[in-house]
Amino acid sequence: MSKPVALITGGSSGIGLGIARRLIERDCHVLLSARGRDRLDQLVAELGVTGVAADVSTEDGRASLVAEVRRLGRLDWLVNNAGTGGGTAGLDVDVERARRVLEPNFYAHVALTDELWPLLCDSPRARVIVVSSSLGTYSSSGSITYGASKAALTSWGRALAVAAKPLGIEVTLVNPGPVVTTTFPHHELLRHRWWKKVVIDVDRCVDDVMRTVDRGGGEVWSHGLFRIPAVVQAIAPATFDRFFV
């Protein structure tokens, strides 16, 4: 394979598909992963990508992705985007429910990145994009399990960026706010007079991501307004917890 190869998990819609379209424009060979075969088949026909129906939260799913990447012989872009919702409020959570959210939102990304790391190290310029959430940077009692999974992913992504830099691998960590996707349509926010102003579409989020990538990686909030609660909780946790959690 002479073209750069990009693997995008959760790539059949939303932010993952938006990034896929940008990488196709950059003449990458794009490998899309998602659980649904029908939608993948449509995208294979429309975009000329390679599609692999796989659940990255399972060992078998990850194995099929790794096998396909190895068949192509290289990996230059890894976009860890797959995930699930499943937020629970208050203490309405148990271990099994937490595990169902943490598996696709955190453990799967760690495992897949670990398995593909040697190929990334062999790339002349490897890039990793970790799509987390602004909810991973501050606490919310309305989304305990989802927030915990994204906090773990954000912390791991930050550490990965530091560890990867001496190896020449650029890591971009994405903390989206409310982005309209099929998983998160944000109907209630869009009906609100003021909150609708912080909801953005996929194209704007992807613009923020690719701009950061082109600067050599780093951390990006999209919408930038959602960096504020993270800063407030860091410098005044008691005040934040009293009024916002």
Protein backbone atom coordinates (compact mmCIF):
# COMPACT_ATOMS: atom_id res chain seq x y z
CA MET A 1 0.00 0.00 0.00
CA SER A 2 1.63 3.23 -1.17
CA LYS A 3 -1.02 5.58 0.21
CA PRO A 4 -1.17 6.47 3.91
CA VAL A 5 -3.59 4.13 5.68
CA ALA A 6 -6.14 5.45 8.18
CA LEU A 7 -8.23 3.31 10.52
CA ILE A 8 -11.33 4.99 11.95
CA THR A 9 -13.44 3.20 14.55
CA GLY A 10 -17.04 4.26 14.86
CA GLY A 11 -16.63 5.54 11.33
CA SER A 12 -20.07 5.06 9.80
CA SER A 13 -21.57 8.34 11.06
CA GLY A 14 -20.97 11.52 13.02
CA ILE A 15 -17.47 12.72 13.89
CA GLY A 16 -15.83 9.52 12.68
CA LEU A 17 -17.38 9.77 9.23
CA GLY A 18 -16.58 13.48 9.09
CA ILE A 19 -12.89 12.77 9.75
CA ALA A 20 -12.99 9.94 7.19
CA ARG A 21 -14.16 12.31 4.48
CA ARG A 22 -11.30 14.72 5.27
CA LEU A 23 -8.72 11.95 5.14
CA ILE A 24 -10.07 10.75 1.81
CA GLU A 25 -9.52 14.30 0.53
CA ARG A 26 -5.91 13.95 1.74
CA ASP A 27 -5.50 10.85 -0.45
CA CYS A 28 -5.49 8.34 2.39
CA HIS A 29 -6.73 4.79 2.07
CA VAL A 30 -9.45 4.78 4.71
CA LEU A 31 -10.48 1.72 6.67
CA LEU A 32 -13.86 2.28 8.33
CA SER A 33 -15.00 0.20 11.28
CA ALA A 34 -18.52 0.04 12.69
CA ARG A 35 -20.89 -2.57 14.05
CA GLY A 36 -23.55 -2.21 11.35
CA ARG A 37 -22.79 -3.93 8.04
CA ASP A 38 -25.57 -2.30 5.96
CA ARG A 39 -24.38 1.25 6.56
CA LEU A 40 -20.76 0.25 5.98
CA ASP A 41 -21.66 -1.33 2.64
CA GLN A 42 -23.29 1.93 1.58
CA LEU A 43 -20.17 3.91 2.49
CA VAL A 44 -17.86 1.45 0.74
CA ALA A 45 -19.86 1.96 -2.46
CA GLU A 46 -20.12 5.74 -2.02
CA LEU A 47 -16.61 6.61 -0.84
CA GLY A 48 -14.42 3.77 -2.05
CA VAL A 49 -13.23 2.95 1.47
CA THR A 50 -12.59 -0.45 3.02
CA GLY A 51 -15.26 -1.42 5.53
CA VAL A 52 -14.93 -3.88 8.40
CA ALA A 53 -17.98 -4.70 10.49
CA ALA A 54 -16.53 -5.16 13.97
CA ASP A 55 -17.35 -4.45 17.58
CA VAL A 56 -14.15 -2.96 18.98
CA SER A 57 -15.28 -3.71 22.52
CA THR A 58 -14.70 -7.42 21.86
CA GLU A 59 -11.44 -9.28 21.34
CA ASP A 60 -12.75 -10.86 18.13
CA GLY A 61 -13.77 -7.48 16.76
CA ARG A 62 -10.37 -5.96 17.44
CA ALA A 63 -8.63 -9.01 15.99
CA SER A 64 -10.46 -8.60 12.68
CA LEU A 65 -9.43 -4.94 12.50
CA VAL A 66 -5.80 -5.68 13.32
CA ALA A 67 -5.74 -8.45 10.69
CA GLU A 68 -7.06 -6.09 8.01
CA VAL A 69 -4.55 -3.37 8.89
CA ARG A 70 -1.70 -5.88 8.81
CA ARG A 71 -2.91 -7.09 5.43
CA LEU A 72 -2.55 -3.53 4.15
CA GLY A 73 0.96 -3.45 5.60
CA ARG A 74 0.99 -0.01 7.21
CA LEU A 75 -0.88 2.37 9.51
CA ASP A 76 -0.44 6.14 9.48
CA TRP A 77 -3.65 7.38 11.13
CA LEU A 78 -5.53 5.78 14.01
CA VAL A 79 -8.79 7.50 14.94
CA ASN A 80 -10.20 6.13 18.19
CA ASN A 81 -13.78 7.30 17.86
CA ALA A 82 -16.05 4.34 18.67
CA GLY A 83 -18.15 4.61 21.78
CA THR A 84 -21.55 4.49 23.35
CA GLY A 85 -23.83 6.66 25.46
CA GLY A 86 -25.40 5.19 28.57
CA GLY A 87 -25.20 8.04 31.03
CA THR A 88 -26.79 7.37 34.40
CA ALA A 89 -27.85 9.97 36.93
CA GLY A 90 -26.99 10.05 40.62
CA LEU A 91 -26.21 6.67 42.13
CA ASP A 92 -28.33 4.73 39.66
CA VAL A 93 -25.37 2.66 38.53
CA ASP A 94 -23.94 -0.78 39.22
CA VAL A 95 -20.76 -2.55 38.18
CA GLU A 96 -22.28 -4.29 35.16
CA ARG A 97 -23.76 -1.06 33.81
CA ALA A 98 -20.46 0.74 34.34
CA ARG A 99 -18.59 -2.05 32.58
CA ARG A 100 -20.91 -1.89 29.56
CA VAL A 101 -19.99 1.78 29.10
CA LEU A 102 -16.30 1.60 30.03
CA GLU A 103 -15.60 -1.31 27.68
CA PRO A 104 -16.35 0.48 24.38
CA ASN A 105 -15.50 3.99 25.61
CA PHE A 106 -12.14 3.27 27.22
CA TYR A 107 -10.76 -0.28 27.36
CA ALA A 108 -11.34 -0.90 23.64
CA HIS A 109 -9.27 2.14 22.65
CA VAL A 110 -6.41 1.16 24.94
CA ALA A 111 -6.37 -2.41 23.64
CA LEU A 112 -6.60 -1.51 19.94
CA THR A 113 -3.93 1.18 20.19
CA ASP A 114 -1.61 -1.24 21.98
CA GLU A 115 -2.05 -3.90 19.31
CA LEU A 116 -1.44 -1.44 16.45
CA TRP A 117 1.37 0.52 18.09
CA PRO A 118 4.25 -1.27 16.24
CA LEU A 119 2.72 -0.32 12.87
CA LEU A 120 2.29 3.29 13.98
CA CYS A 121 5.94 3.37 15.06
CA ASP A 122 6.94 2.21 11.56
CA SER A 123 5.03 5.03 9.86
CA PRO A 124 7.06 8.00 8.58
CA ARG A 125 4.54 10.30 10.26
CA ALA A 126 1.94 8.64 12.45
CA ARG A 127 -1.05 10.45 13.92
CA VAL A 128 -3.48 9.28 16.56
CA ILE A 129 -6.79 11.04 17.18
CA VAL A 130 -8.59 10.22 20.43
CA VAL A 131 -12.21 11.38 20.43
CA SER A 132 -13.28 11.79 24.06
CA SER A 133 -15.80 14.32 25.42
CA SER A 134 -15.88 17.58 27.34
CA LEU A 135 -17.64 15.51 30.03
CA GLY A 136 -14.31 13.80 30.56
CA THR A 137 -12.81 17.06 31.81
CA TYR A 138 -15.32 17.99 34.53
CA SER A 139 -17.85 16.20 36.75
CA SER A 140 -21.56 15.83 36.07
CA SER A 141 -23.95 13.98 38.37
CA GLY A 142 -26.31 13.57 35.45
CA SER A 143 -23.93 11.31 33.53
CA ILE A 144 -21.81 9.36 35.98
CA THR A 145 -20.85 6.28 33.95
CA TYR A 146 -20.40 8.09 30.63
CA GLY A 147 -18.43 10.88 32.31
CA ALA A 148 -16.23 8.38 34.13
CA SER A 149 -15.47 6.50 30.91
CA LYS A 150 -14.55 9.71 29.12
CA ALA A 151 -12.48 10.97 32.07
CA ALA A 152 -10.46 7.76 31.83
CA LEU A 153 -10.09 8.18 28.07
CA THR A 154 -9.06 11.83 28.39
CA SER A 155 -6.45 11.04 31.05
CA TRP A 156 -5.09 8.18 28.94
CA GLY A 157 -5.05 10.34 25.81
CA ARG A 158 -3.06 13.05 27.56
CA ALA A 159 -0.53 10.53 28.84
CA LEU A 160 -0.33 8.90 25.42
CA ALA A 161 0.48 12.25 23.81
CA VAL A 162 3.42 12.75 26.16
CA ALA A 163 4.74 9.21 25.72
CA ALA A 164 4.34 9.25 21.94
CA LYS A 165 6.00 12.58 21.24
CA PRO A 166 9.63 11.35 21.52
CA LEU A 167 8.72 8.60 19.05
CA GLY A 168 7.49 11.13 16.48
CA ILE A 169 3.84 10.10 16.84
CA GLU A 170 1.45 13.04 17.06
CA VAL A 171 -1.62 12.65 19.28
CA THR A 172 -4.70 14.86 19.12
CA LEU A 173 -7.17 14.62 21.99
CA VAL A 174 -10.68 15.86 21.18
CA ASN A 175 -13.13 16.99 23.87
CA PRO A 176 -16.37 17.72 22.01
CA GLY A 177 -19.25 19.53 23.62
CA PRO A 178 -22.76 18.98 22.21
CA VAL A 179 -22.25 17.88 18.59
CA VAL A 180 -25.33 16.78 16.65
CA THR A 181 -24.86 13.15 15.62
CA THR A 182 -27.12 10.12 15.25
CA THR A 183 -26.05 8.94 18.72
CA PHE A 184 -26.51 12.35 20.32
CA PRO A 185 -29.17 14.38 18.42
CA HIS A 186 -29.47 16.93 21.30
CA HIS A 187 -33.12 17.66 20.59
CA GLU A 188 -33.76 19.21 24.01
CA LEU A 189 -30.77 21.57 23.78
CA LEU A 190 -31.77 22.66 20.29
CA ARG A 191 -35.23 23.62 21.57
CA HIS A 192 -33.75 25.78 24.33
CA ARG A 193 -33.47 29.52 23.65
CA TRP A 194 -29.91 29.87 24.94
CA TRP A 195 -28.38 26.39 25.07
CA LYS A 196 -28.94 25.87 21.36
CA LYS A 197 -26.16 28.40 20.79
CA VAL A 198 -23.52 25.96 22.12
CA VAL A 199 -24.65 23.04 19.94
CA ILE A 200 -22.48 22.59 16.85
CA ASP A 201 -22.59 20.38 13.79
CA VAL A 202 -20.13 17.68 12.79
CA ASP A 203 -18.36 19.81 10.18
CA ARG A 204 -17.43 22.48 12.70
CA CYS A 205 -16.12 19.86 15.12
CA VAL A 206 -14.08 18.18 12.41
CA ASP A 207 -12.70 21.58 11.34
CA ASP A 208 -11.43 22.05 14.90
CA VAL A 209 -9.92 18.56 14.93
CA MET A 210 -8.07 18.84 11.63
CA ARG A 211 -6.81 22.33 12.46
CA THR A 212 -5.25 20.93 15.64
CA VAL A 213 -3.84 17.94 13.78
CA ASP A 214 -2.18 20.23 11.24
CA ARG A 215 -0.53 22.16 14.07
CA GLY A 216 1.17 18.98 15.26
CA GLY A 217 -1.51 17.65 17.60
CA GLY A 218 -2.58 18.66 21.09
CA GLU A 219 -5.86 18.98 22.95
CA VAL A 220 -8.92 20.67 21.54
CA TRP A 221 -12.34 21.56 22.96
CA SER A 222 -15.15 21.80 20.42
CA HIS A 223 -17.13 24.03 21.30
CA GLY A 224 -14.41 26.00 23.15
CA LEU A 225 -16.94 27.27 25.70
CA PHE A 226 -16.84 23.86 27.37
CA ARG A 227 -13.27 24.40 28.44
CA ILE A 228 -14.60 26.84 31.06
CA PRO A 229 -16.17 24.26 33.44
CA ALA A 230 -13.00 22.18 33.29
CA VAL A 231 -10.92 25.19 34.33
CA VAL A 232 -13.39 26.27 37.03
CA GLN A 233 -13.49 22.82 38.60
CA ALA A 234 -9.69 22.62 38.53
CA ILE A 235 -9.14 25.94 40.33
CA ALA A 236 -12.27 26.07 42.52
CA PRO A 237 -13.61 22.53 42.94
CA ALA A 238 -15.83 23.25 45.94
CA THR A 239 -17.57 26.13 44.17
CA PHE A 240 -18.04 24.07 41.02
CA ASP A 241 -19.42 21.10 42.94
CA ARG A 242 -21.85 23.33 44.85
CA PHE A 243 -23.42 25.00 41.85
CA PHE A 244 -22.87 22.77 38.82
CA VAL A 245 -22.45 19.07 39.59
